[in-house]
PDB file of N, CA and C in Angstrom:
ATOM      1  N   MET A   1       0.828  -1.189   0.000  1.00  0.00           N
ATOM      2  CA  MET A   1       0.000   0.000   0.000  1.00  0.00           C
ATOM      3  C   MET A   1       0.867   1.245   0.000  1.00  0.00           C
ATOM      4  N   GLN A   2       1.972   1.132   0.685  1.00  0.00           N
ATOM      5  CA  GLN A   2       2.863   2.277   0.774  1.00  0.00           C
ATOM      6  C   GLN A   2       3.450   2.609  -0.600  1.00  0.00           C
ATOM      7  N   ASP A   3       3.710   1.566  -1.386  1.00  0.00           N
ATOM      8  CA  ASP A   3       4.233   1.779  -2.732  1.00  0.00           C
ATOM      9  C   ASP A   3       3.233   2.549  -3.593  1.00  0.00           C
ATOM     10  N   LYS A   4       1.958   2.230  -3.456  1.00  0.00           N
ATOM     11  CA  LYS A   4       0.941   2.946  -4.218  1.00  0.00           C
ATOM     12  C   LYS A   4       0.925   4.418  -3.855  1.00  0.00           C
ATOM     13  N   ASN A   5       1.025   4.680  -2.559  1.00  0.00           N
ATOM     14  CA  ASN A   5       1.022   6.071  -2.117  1.00  0.00           C
ATOM     15  C   ASN A   5       2.240   6.814  -2.657  1.00  0.00           C
ATOM     16  N   GLU A   6       3.391   6.164  -2.637  1.00  0.00           N
ATOM     17  CA  GLU A   6       4.595   6.805  -3.145  1.00  0.00           C
ATOM     18  C   GLU A   6       4.474   7.088  -4.650  1.00  0.00           C
ATOM     19  N   ILE A   7       3.924   6.140  -5.359  1.00  0.00           N
ATOM     20  CA  ILE A   7       3.763   6.339  -6.798  1.00  0.00           C
ATOM     21  C   ILE A   7       2.778   7.456  -7.080  1.00  0.00           C
ATOM     22  N   SER A   8       1.681   7.490  -6.321  1.00  0.00           N
ATOM     23  CA  SER A   8       0.691   8.545  -6.548  1.00  0.00           C
ATOM     24  C   SER A   8       1.255   9.912  -6.174  1.00  0.00           C
ATOM     25  N   GLU A   9       2.074   9.991  -5.145  1.00  0.00           N
ATOM     26  CA  GLU A   9       2.699  11.265  -4.793  1.00  0.00           C
ATOM     27  C   GLU A   9       3.694  11.677  -5.872  1.00  0.00           C
ATOM     28  N   PHE A  10       4.405  10.703  -6.424  1.00  0.00           N
ATOM     29  CA  PHE A  10       5.392  10.996  -7.442  1.00  0.00           C
ATOM     30  C   PHE A  10       4.716  11.496  -8.723  1.00  0.00           C
ATOM     31  N   SER A  11       3.551  10.899  -9.065  1.00  0.00           N
ATOM     32  CA  SER A  11       2.865  11.310 -10.278  1.00  0.00           C
ATOM     33  C   SER A  11       2.134  12.627 -10.088  1.00  0.00           C
ATOM     34  N   GLY A  12       2.072  13.115  -8.914  1.00  0.00           N
ATOM     35  CA  GLY A  12       1.524  14.439  -8.677  1.00  0.00           C
ATOM     36  C   GLY A  12       0.040  14.463  -8.418  1.00  0.00           C
ATOM     37  N   GLY A  13      -0.476  13.559  -7.715  1.00  0.00           N
ATOM     38  CA  GLY A  13      -1.899  13.629  -7.433  1.00  0.00           C
ATOM     39  C   GLY A  13      -2.391  12.439  -6.647  1.00  0.00           C
ATOM     40  N   GLU A  14      -3.678  12.418  -6.525  1.00  0.00           N
ATOM     41  CA  GLU A  14      -4.311  11.319  -5.815  1.00  0.00           C
ATOM     42  C   GLU A  14      -4.327  10.081  -6.701  1.00  0.00           C
ATOM     43  N   PRO A  15      -4.503   8.912  -6.102  1.00  0.00           N
ATOM     44  CA  PRO A  15      -4.584   7.694  -6.925  1.00  0.00           C
ATOM     45  C   PRO A  15      -5.769   7.774  -7.885  1.00  0.00           C
ATOM     46  N   LYS A  16      -5.548   7.364  -9.099  1.00  0.00           N
ATOM     47  CA  LYS A  16      -6.594   7.450 -10.116  1.00  0.00           C
ATOM     48  C   LYS A  16      -7.594   6.320  -9.909  1.00  0.00           C
ATOM     49  N   LYS A  17      -8.837   6.651 -10.119  1.00  0.00           N
ATOM     50  CA  LYS A  17      -9.884   5.638 -10.030  1.00  0.00           C
ATOM     51  C   LYS A  17      -9.996   4.949 -11.381  1.00  0.00           C
ATOM     52  N   GLU A  18     -10.355   3.671 -11.338  1.00  0.00           N
ATOM     53  CA  GLU A  18     -10.572   2.949 -12.582  1.00  0.00           C
ATOM     54  C   GLU A  18     -11.852   3.438 -13.225  1.00  0.00           C
ATOM     55  N   GLN A  19     -11.801   3.575 -14.534  1.00  0.00           N
ATOM     56  CA  GLN A  19     -12.966   4.063 -15.242  1.00  0.00           C
ATOM     57  C   GLN A  19     -13.516   2.930 -16.108  1.00  0.00           C
ATOM     58  N   ASN A  20     -14.767   2.548 -15.851  1.00  0.00           N
ATOM     59  CA  ASN A  20     -15.402   1.481 -16.617  1.00  0.00           C
ATOM     60  C   ASN A  20     -15.938   2.040 -17.925  1.00  0.00           C
ATOM     61  N   LEU A  21     -16.286   1.121 -18.815  1.00  0.00           N
ATOM     62  CA  LEU A  21     -16.870   1.533 -20.087  1.00  0.00           C
ATOM     63  C   LEU A  21     -18.267   2.079 -19.852  1.00  0.00           C
ATOM     64  N   ASP A  22     -18.560   3.176 -20.496  1.00  0.00           N
ATOM     65  CA  ASP A  22     -19.921   3.696 -20.386  1.00  0.00           C
ATOM     66  C   ASP A  22     -20.791   3.047 -21.468  1.00  0.00           C
ATOM     67  N   PHE A  23     -22.083   3.269 -21.390  1.00  0.00           N
ATOM     68  CA  PHE A  23     -23.046   2.622 -22.271  1.00  0.00           C
ATOM     69  C   PHE A  23     -22.804   2.993 -23.731  1.00  0.00           C
ATOM     70  N   ARG A  24     -22.462   4.230 -23.978  1.00  0.00           N
ATOM     71  CA  ARG A  24     -22.258   4.709 -25.351  1.00  0.00           C
ATOM     72  C   ARG A  24     -21.068   4.008 -26.021  1.00  0.00           C
ATOM     73  N   THR A  25     -19.995   3.834 -25.293  1.00  0.00           N
ATOM     74  CA  THR A  25     -18.818   3.154 -25.825  1.00  0.00           C
ATOM     75  C   THR A  25     -19.134   1.687 -26.096  1.00  0.00           C
ATOM     76  N   LEU A  26     -19.864   1.066 -25.196  1.00  0.00           N
ATOM     77  CA  LEU A  26     -20.237  -0.333 -25.360  1.00  0.00           C
ATOM     78  C   LEU A  26     -21.130  -0.527 -26.592  1.00  0.00           C
ATOM     79  N   VAL A  27     -22.088   0.369 -26.785  1.00  0.00           N
ATOM     80  CA  VAL A  27     -22.978   0.279 -27.945  1.00  0.00           C
ATOM     81  C   VAL A  27     -22.189   0.498 -29.225  1.00  0.00           C
ATOM     82  N   SER A  28     -21.274   1.437 -29.228  1.00  0.00           N
ATOM     83  CA  SER A  28     -20.487   1.671 -30.440  1.00  0.00           C
ATOM     84  C   SER A  28     -19.576   0.479 -30.746  1.00  0.00           C
ATOM     85  N   ALA A  29     -19.054  -0.177 -29.738  1.00  0.00           N
ATOM     86  CA  ALA A  29     -18.219  -1.366 -29.962  1.00  0.00           C
ATOM     87  C   ALA A  29     -19.058  -2.493 -30.552  1.00  0.00           C
ATOM     88  N   TYR A  30     -20.251  -2.704 -29.999  1.00  0.00           N
ATOM     89  CA  TYR A  30     -21.128  -3.740 -30.550  1.00  0.00           C
ATOM     90  C   TYR A  30     -21.579  -3.395 -31.969  1.00  0.00           C
ATOM     91  N   ALA A  31     -21.829  -2.144 -32.236  1.00  0.00           N
ATOM     92  CA  ALA A  31     -22.229  -1.721 -33.580  1.00  0.00           C
ATOM     93  C   ALA A  31     -21.093  -1.976 -34.572  1.00  0.00           C
ATOM     94  N   ALA A  32     -19.873  -1.670 -34.185  1.00  0.00           N
ATOM     95  CA  ALA A  32     -18.728  -1.920 -35.062  1.00  0.00           C
ATOM     96  C   ALA A  32     -18.562  -3.416 -35.313  1.00  0.00           C
ATOM     97  N   LEU A  33     -18.757  -4.226 -34.290  1.00  0.00           N
ATOM     98  CA  LEU A  33     -18.667  -5.679 -34.437  1.00  0.00           C
ATOM     99  C   LEU A  33     -19.758  -6.191 -35.373  1.00  0.00           C
ATOM    100  N   PHE A  34     -20.979  -5.689 -35.220  1.00  0.00           N
ATOM    101  CA  PHE A  34     -22.088  -6.102 -36.074  1.00  0.00           C
ATOM    102  C   PHE A  34     -21.836  -5.705 -37.530  1.00  0.00           C
ATOM    103  N   ILE A  35     -21.344  -4.504 -37.758  1.00  0.00           N
ATOM    104  CA  ILE A  35     -21.045  -4.045 -39.119  1.00  0.00           C
ATOM    105  C   ILE A  35     -19.951  -4.909 -39.743  1.00  0.00           C
ATOM    106  N   ALA A  36     -18.929  -5.231 -38.967  1.00  0.00           N
ATOM    107  CA  ALA A  36     -17.846  -6.076 -39.486  1.00  0.00           C
ATOM    108  C   ALA A  36     -18.381  -7.463 -39.852  1.00  0.00           C
ATOM    109  N   LEU A  37     -19.221  -8.023 -39.015  1.00  0.00           N
ATOM    110  CA  LEU A  37     -19.808  -9.325 -39.321  1.00  0.00           C
ATOM    111  C   LEU A  37     -20.720  -9.245 -40.539  1.00  0.00           C
ATOM    112  N   ALA A  38     -21.489  -8.172 -40.642  1.00  0.00           N
ATOM    113  CA  ALA A  38     -22.394  -8.005 -41.784  1.00  0.00           C
ATOM    114  C   ALA A  38     -21.605  -7.883 -43.087  1.00  0.00           C
ATOM    115  N   LEU A  39     -20.418  -7.337 -43.038  1.00  0.00           N
ATOM    116  CA  LEU A  39     -19.600  -7.186 -44.240  1.00  0.00           C
ATOM    117  C   LEU A  39     -18.861  -8.468 -44.609  1.00  0.00           C
ATOM    118  N   PHE A  40     -18.320  -9.166 -43.619  1.00  0.00           N
ATOM    119  CA  PHE A  40     -17.429 -10.275 -43.911  1.00  0.00           C
ATOM    120  C   PHE A  40     -18.104 -11.633 -43.990  1.00  0.00           C
ATOM    121  N   LEU A  41     -19.202 -11.859 -43.306  1.00  0.00           N
ATOM    122  CA  LEU A  41     -19.856 -13.164 -43.372  1.00  0.00           C
ATOM    123  C   LEU A  41     -20.382 -13.497 -44.765  1.00  0.00           C
ATOM    124  N   PRO A  42     -21.019 -12.569 -45.482  1.00  0.00           N
ATOM    125  CA  PRO A  42     -21.429 -12.920 -46.850  1.00  0.00           C
ATOM    126  C   PRO A  42     -20.242 -13.248 -47.760  1.00  0.00           C
ATOM    127  N   LYS A  43     -19.155 -12.530 -47.609  1.00  0.00           N
ATOM    128  CA  LYS A  43     -17.971 -12.808 -48.430  1.00  0.00           C
ATOM    129  C   LYS A  43     -17.431 -14.204 -48.135  1.00  0.00           C
ATOM    130  N   ILE A  44     -17.377 -14.574 -46.866  1.00  0.00           N
ATOM    131  CA  ILE A  44     -16.900 -15.901 -46.491  1.00  0.00           C
ATOM    132  C   ILE A  44     -17.832 -16.974 -47.050  1.00  0.00           C
ATOM    133  N   TYR A  45     -19.138 -16.747 -46.960  1.00  0.00           N
ATOM    134  CA  TYR A  45     -20.105 -17.713 -47.472  1.00  0.00           C
ATOM    135  C   TYR A  45     -19.950 -17.881 -48.983  1.00  0.00           C
ATOM    136  N   ILE A  46     -19.849 -16.779 -49.702  1.00  0.00           N
ATOM    137  CA  ILE A  46     -19.717 -16.850 -51.158  1.00  0.00           C
ATOM    138  C   ILE A  46     -18.409 -17.533 -51.554  1.00  0.00           C
ATOM    139  N   THR A  47     -17.339 -17.234 -50.843  1.00  0.00           N
ATOM    140  CA  THR A  47     -16.057 -17.869 -51.137  1.00  0.00           C
ATOM    141  C   THR A  47     -16.136 -19.376 -50.936  1.00  0.00           C
ATOM    142  N   ASN A  48     -16.784 -19.811 -49.866  1.00  0.00           N
ATOM    143  CA  ASN A  48     -16.940 -21.249 -49.628  1.00  0.00           C
ATOM    144  C   ASN A  48     -17.792 -21.896 -50.708  1.00  0.00           C
ATOM    145  N   GLN A  49     -18.855 -21.227 -51.126  1.00  0.00           N
ATOM    146  CA  GLN A  49     -19.699 -21.790 -52.178  1.00  0.00           C
ATOM    147  C   GLN A  49     -18.925 -21.916 -53.486  1.00  0.00           C
ATOM    148  N   ILE A  50     -18.128 -20.918 -53.823  1.00  0.00           N
ATOM    149  CA  ILE A  50     -17.306 -20.976 -55.033  1.00  0.00           C
ATOM    150  C   ILE A  50     -16.330 -22.149 -54.956  1.00  0.00           C
ATOM    151  N   TYR A  51     -15.746 -22.362 -53.792  1.00  0.00           N
ATOM    152  CA  TYR A  51     -14.792 -23.458 -53.610  1.00  0.00           C
ATOM    153  C   TYR A  51     -15.466 -24.804 -53.854  1.00  0.00           C
ATOM    154  N   TYR A  52     -16.621 -25.027 -53.231  1.00  0.00           N
ATOM    155  CA  TYR A  52     -17.293 -26.319 -53.373  1.00  0.00           C
ATOM    156  C   TYR A  52     -17.811 -26.533 -54.795  1.00  0.00           C
ATOM    157  N   ILE A  53     -18.288 -25.488 -55.440  1.00  0.00           N
ATOM    158  CA  ILE A  53     -18.742 -25.618 -56.822  1.00  0.00           C
ATOM    159  C   ILE A  53     -17.561 -25.925 -57.739  1.00  0.00           C
ATOM    160  N   SER A  54     -16.423 -25.292 -57.496  1.00  0.00           N
ATOM    161  CA  SER A  54     -15.252 -25.567 -58.335  1.00  0.00           C
ATOM    162  C   SER A  54     -14.765 -27.006 -58.135  1.00  0.00           C
ATOM    163  N   ARG A  55     -14.903 -27.535 -56.927  1.00  0.00           N
ATOM    164  CA  ARG A  55     -14.559 -28.945 -56.703  1.00  0.00           C
ATOM    165  C   ARG A  55     -15.481 -29.854 -57.499  1.00  0.00           C
ATOM    166  N   GLU A  56     -16.772 -29.553 -57.503  1.00  0.00           N
ATOM    167  CA  GLU A  56     -17.718 -30.344 -58.284  1.00  0.00           C
ATOM    168  C   GLU A  56     -17.401 -30.258 -59.771  1.00  0.00           C
ATOM    169  N   ILE A  57     -17.059 -29.063 -60.236  1.00  0.00           N
ATOM    170  CA  ILE A  57     -16.705 -28.884 -61.644  1.00  0.00           C
ATOM    171  C   ILE A  57     -15.474 -29.715 -61.989  1.00  0.00           C
ATOM    172  N   GLY A  58     -14.504 -29.734 -61.099  1.00  0.00           N
ATOM    173  CA  GLY A  58     -13.306 -30.539 -61.325  1.00  0.00           C
ATOM    174  C   GLY A  58     -13.626 -32.021 -61.398  1.00  0.00           C
ATOM    175  N   ASP A  59     -14.487 -32.499 -60.505  1.00  0.00           N
ATOM    176  CA  ASP A  59     -14.877 -33.911 -60.540  1.00  0.00           C
ATOM    177  C   ASP A  59     -15.625 -34.243 -61.829  1.00  0.00           C
ATOM    178  N   LEU A  60     -16.566 -33.384 -62.197  1.00  0.00           N
ATOM    179  CA  LEU A  60     -17.329 -33.628 -63.428  1.00  0.00           C
ATOM    180  C   LEU A  60     -16.439 -33.558 -64.662  1.00  0.00           C
ATOM    181  N   SER A  61     -15.469 -32.666 -64.661  1.00  0.00           N
ATOM    182  CA  SER A  61     -14.542 -32.555 -65.784  1.00  0.00           C
ATOM    183  C   SER A  61     -13.706 -33.825 -65.911  1.00  0.00           C
ATOM    184  N   GLY A  62     -13.272 -34.353 -64.791  1.00  0.00           N
ATOM    185  CA  GLY A  62     -12.517 -35.609 -64.817  1.00  0.00           C
ATOM    186  C   GLY A  62     -13.358 -36.756 -65.349  1.00  0.00           C
ATOM    187  N   LYS A  63     -14.612 -36.836 -64.904  1.00  0.00           N
ATOM    188  CA  LYS A  63     -15.503 -37.893 -65.400  1.00  0.00           C
ATOM    189  C   LYS A  63     -15.774 -37.718 -66.897  1.00  0.00           C
ATOM    190  N   ARG A  64     -15.915 -36.469 -67.334  1.00  0.00           N
ATOM    191  CA  ARG A  64     -16.140 -36.188 -68.757  1.00  0.00           C
ATOM    192  C   ARG A  64     -14.953 -36.664 -69.587  1.00  0.00           C
ATOM    193  N   ASP A  65     -13.743 -36.379 -69.102  1.00  0.00           N
ATOM    194  CA  ASP A  65     -12.549 -36.806 -69.835  1.00  0.00           C
ATOM    195  C   ASP A  65     -12.496 -38.331 -69.948  1.00  0.00           C
ATOM    196  N   VAL A  66     -12.850 -39.026 -68.883  1.00  0.00           N
ATOM    197  CA  VAL A  66     -12.852 -40.489 -68.904  1.00  0.00           C
ATOM    198  C   VAL A  66     -13.884 -40.998 -69.902  1.00  0.00           C
ATOM    199  N   LEU A  67     -15.071 -40.382 -69.883  1.00  0.00           N
ATOM    200  CA  LEU A  67     -16.125 -40.815 -70.812  1.00  0.00           C
ATOM    201  C   LEU A  67     -15.751 -40.525 -72.263  1.00  0.00           C
ATOM    202  N   LEU A  68     -15.105 -39.396 -72.519  1.00  0.00           N
ATOM    203  CA  LEU A  68     -14.665 -39.101 -73.889  1.00  0.00           C
ATOM    204  C   LEU A  68     -13.632 -40.121 -74.369  1.00  0.00           C
ATOM    205  N   GLU A  69     -12.736 -40.500 -73.499  1.00  0.00           N
ATOM    206  CA  GLU A  69     -11.727 -41.506 -73.860  1.00  0.00           C
ATOM    207  C   GLU A  69     -12.389 -42.862 -74.107  1.00  0.00           C
ATOM    208  N   GLU A  70     -13.340 -43.206 -73.273  1.00  0.00           N
ATOM    209  CA  GLU A  70     -14.064 -44.465 -73.463  1.00  0.00           C
ATOM    210  C   GLU A  70     -14.861 -44.431 -74.773  1.00  0.00           C
ATOM    211  N   ASN A  71     -15.445 -43.291 -75.098  1.00  0.00           N
ATOM    212  CA  ASN A  71     -16.183 -43.135 -76.348  1.00  0.00           C
ATOM    213  C   ASN A  71     -15.252 -43.313 -77.548  1.00  0.00           C
ATOM    214  N   ARG A  72     -14.070 -42.751 -77.471  1.00  0.00           N
ATOM    215  CA  ARG A  72     -13.095 -42.893 -78.556  1.00  0.00           C
ATOM    216  C   ARG A  72     -12.703 -44.358 -78.746  1.00  0.00           C
ATOM    217  N   GLU A  73     -12.474 -45.060 -77.639  1.00  0.00           N
ATOM    218  CA  GLU A  73     -12.124 -46.481 -77.720  1.00  0.00           C
ATOM    219  C   GLU A  73     -13.258 -47.301 -78.322  1.00  0.00           C
ATOM    220  N   LEU A  74     -14.499 -46.987 -77.928  1.00  0.00           N
ATOM    221  CA  LEU A  74     -15.642 -47.723 -78.465  1.00  0.00           C
ATOM    222  C   LEU A  74     -15.833 -47.456 -79.955  1.00  0.00           C
ATOM    223  N   ARG A  75     -15.584 -46.230 -80.396  1.00  0.00           N
ATOM    224  CA  ARG A  75     -15.674 -45.924 -81.825  1.00  0.00           C
ATOM    225  C   ARG A  75     -14.628 -46.702 -82.627  1.00  0.00           C
ATOM    226  N   LEU A  76     -13.408 -46.773 -82.080  1.00  0.00           N
ATOM    227  CA  LEU A  76     -12.363 -47.549 -82.762  1.00  0.00           C
ATOM    228  C   LEU A  76     -12.745 -49.022 -82.842  1.00  0.00           C
ATOM    229  N   LYS A  77     -13.295 -49.537 -81.763  1.00  0.00           N
ATOM    230  CA  LYS A  77     -13.713 -50.937 -81.741  1.00  0.00           C
ATOM    231  C   LYS A  77     -14.833 -51.174 -82.753  1.00  0.00           C
ATOM    232  N   LEU A  78     -15.789 -50.247 -82.819  1.00  0.00           N
ATOM    233  CA  LEU A  78     -16.882 -50.357 -83.785  1.00  0.00           C
ATOM    234  C   LEU A  78     -16.362 -50.280 -85.218  1.00  0.00           C
ATOM    235  N   GLU A  79     -15.418 -49.403 -85.442  1.00  0.00           N
ATOM    236  CA  GLU A  79     -14.832 -49.271 -86.776  1.00  0.00           C
ATOM    237  C   GLU A  79     -14.118 -50.554 -87.181  1.00  0.00           C
ATOM    238  N   ARG A  80     -13.408 -51.191 -86.273  1.00  0.00           N
ATOM    239  CA  ARG A  80     -12.732 -52.464 -86.563  1.00  0.00           C
ATOM    240  C   ARG A  80     -13.750 -53.563 -86.882  1.00  0.00           C
ATOM    241  N   MET A  81     -14.853 -53.559 -86.128  1.00  0.00           N
ATOM    242  CA  MET A  81     -15.885 -54.559 -86.367  1.00  0.00           C
ATOM    243  C   MET A  81     -16.547 -54.349 -87.730  1.00  0.00           C
ATOM    244  N   LYS A  82     -16.803 -53.100 -88.093  1.00  0.00           N
ATOM    245  CA  LYS A  82     -17.376 -52.812 -89.412  1.00  0.00           C
ATOM    246  C   LYS A  82     -16.426 -53.251 -90.517  1.00  0.00           C
ATOM    247  N   TYR A  83     -15.158 -52.968 -90.339  1.00  0.00           N
ATOM    248  CA  TYR A  83     -14.152 -53.370 -91.339  1.00  0.00           C
ATOM    249  C   TYR A  83     -14.146 -54.883 -91.480  1.00  0.00           C
ATOM    250  N   LYS A  84     -14.186 -55.565 -90.363  1.00  0.00           N
ATOM    251  CA  LYS A  84     -14.166 -57.026 -90.380  1.00  0.00           C
ATOM    252  C   LYS A  84     -15.395 -57.563 -91.109  1.00  0.00           C
ATOM    253  N   ASN A  85     -16.565 -56.987 -90.819  1.00  0.00           N
ATOM    254  CA  ASN A  85     -17.797 -57.485 -91.432  1.00  0.00           C
ATOM    255  C   ASN A  85     -17.907 -57.122 -92.908  1.00  0.00           C
ATOM    256  N   GLN A  86     -17.478 -55.943 -93.288  1.00  0.00           N
ATOM    257  CA  GLN A  86     -17.675 -55.488 -94.661  1.00  0.00           C
ATOM    258  C   GLN A  86     -16.566 -55.939 -95.601  1.00  0.00           C
ATOM    259  N   ILE A  87     -15.360 -56.034 -95.124  1.00  0.00           N
ATOM    260  CA  ILE A  87     -14.249 -56.314 -96.041  1.00  0.00           C
ATOM    261  C   ILE A  87     -13.706 -57.719 -95.846  1.00  0.00           C
ATOM    262  N   LEU A  88     -13.448 -58.135 -94.653  1.00  0.00           N
ATOM    263  CA  LEU A  88     -12.793 -59.416 -94.438  1.00  0.00           C
ATOM    264  C   LEU A  88     -13.754 -60.590 -94.594  1.00  0.00           C
ATOM    265  N   ASP A  89     -14.978 -60.457 -94.132  1.00  0.00           N
ATOM    266  CA  ASP A  89     -15.918 -61.576 -94.215  1.00  0.00           C
ATOM    267  C   ASP A  89     -16.272 -61.947 -95.665  1.00  0.00           C
ATOM    268  N   PRO A  90     -16.560 -61.012 -96.540  1.00  0.00           N
ATOM    269  CA  PRO A  90     -16.833 -61.421 -97.931  1.00  0.00           C
ATOM    270  C   PRO A  90     -15.641 -62.068 -98.607  1.00  0.00           C
ATOM    271  N   LEU A  91     -14.439 -61.721 -98.204  1.00  0.00           N
ATOM    272  CA  LEU A  91     -13.260 -62.323 -98.820  1.00  0.00           C
ATOM    273  C   LEU A  91     -13.063 -63.758 -98.356  1.00  0.00           C
ATOM    274  N   THR A  92     -13.458 -64.057 -97.166  1.00  0.00           N
ATOM    275  CA  THR A  92     -13.270 -65.406 -96.644  1.00  0.00           C
ATOM    276  C   THR A  92     -14.328 -66.382 -97.169  1.00  0.00           C
ATOM    277  N   LEU A  93     -15.452 -65.888 -97.641  1.00  0.00           N
ATOM    278  CA  LEU A  93     -16.516 -66.756 -98.173  1.00  0.00           C
ATOM    279  C   LEU A  93     -16.148 -67.302 -99.540  1.00  0.00           C
ATOM    280  N   LYS A  94     -15.322 -66.683-100.294  1.00  0.00           N
ATOM    281  CA  LYS A  94     -14.978 -67.105-101.651  1.00  0.00           C
ATOM    282  C   LYS A  94     -14.063 -68.249-101.691  1.00  0.00           C
TER     283      LYS A  94
END
């Protein structure tokens, strides 16, 4: 206690009382917090939606590439079968 008195005498006055937040400061702090949330939450939501949609697009693109490759293979197989039926089979009957 004596140290407090010495410090207060050195600083030139009585010990300072603690000052709590008044209602106006508290309301302004909450208002600033609400405004910040109102600004940033939609951006975060939209960013997450873009991320998940881009993941779906990537998956669908990969499946599309696989299906296109399978389609190409099936066309080649069909072309070989047509060649066999139209050209090779009539030659073997003679």
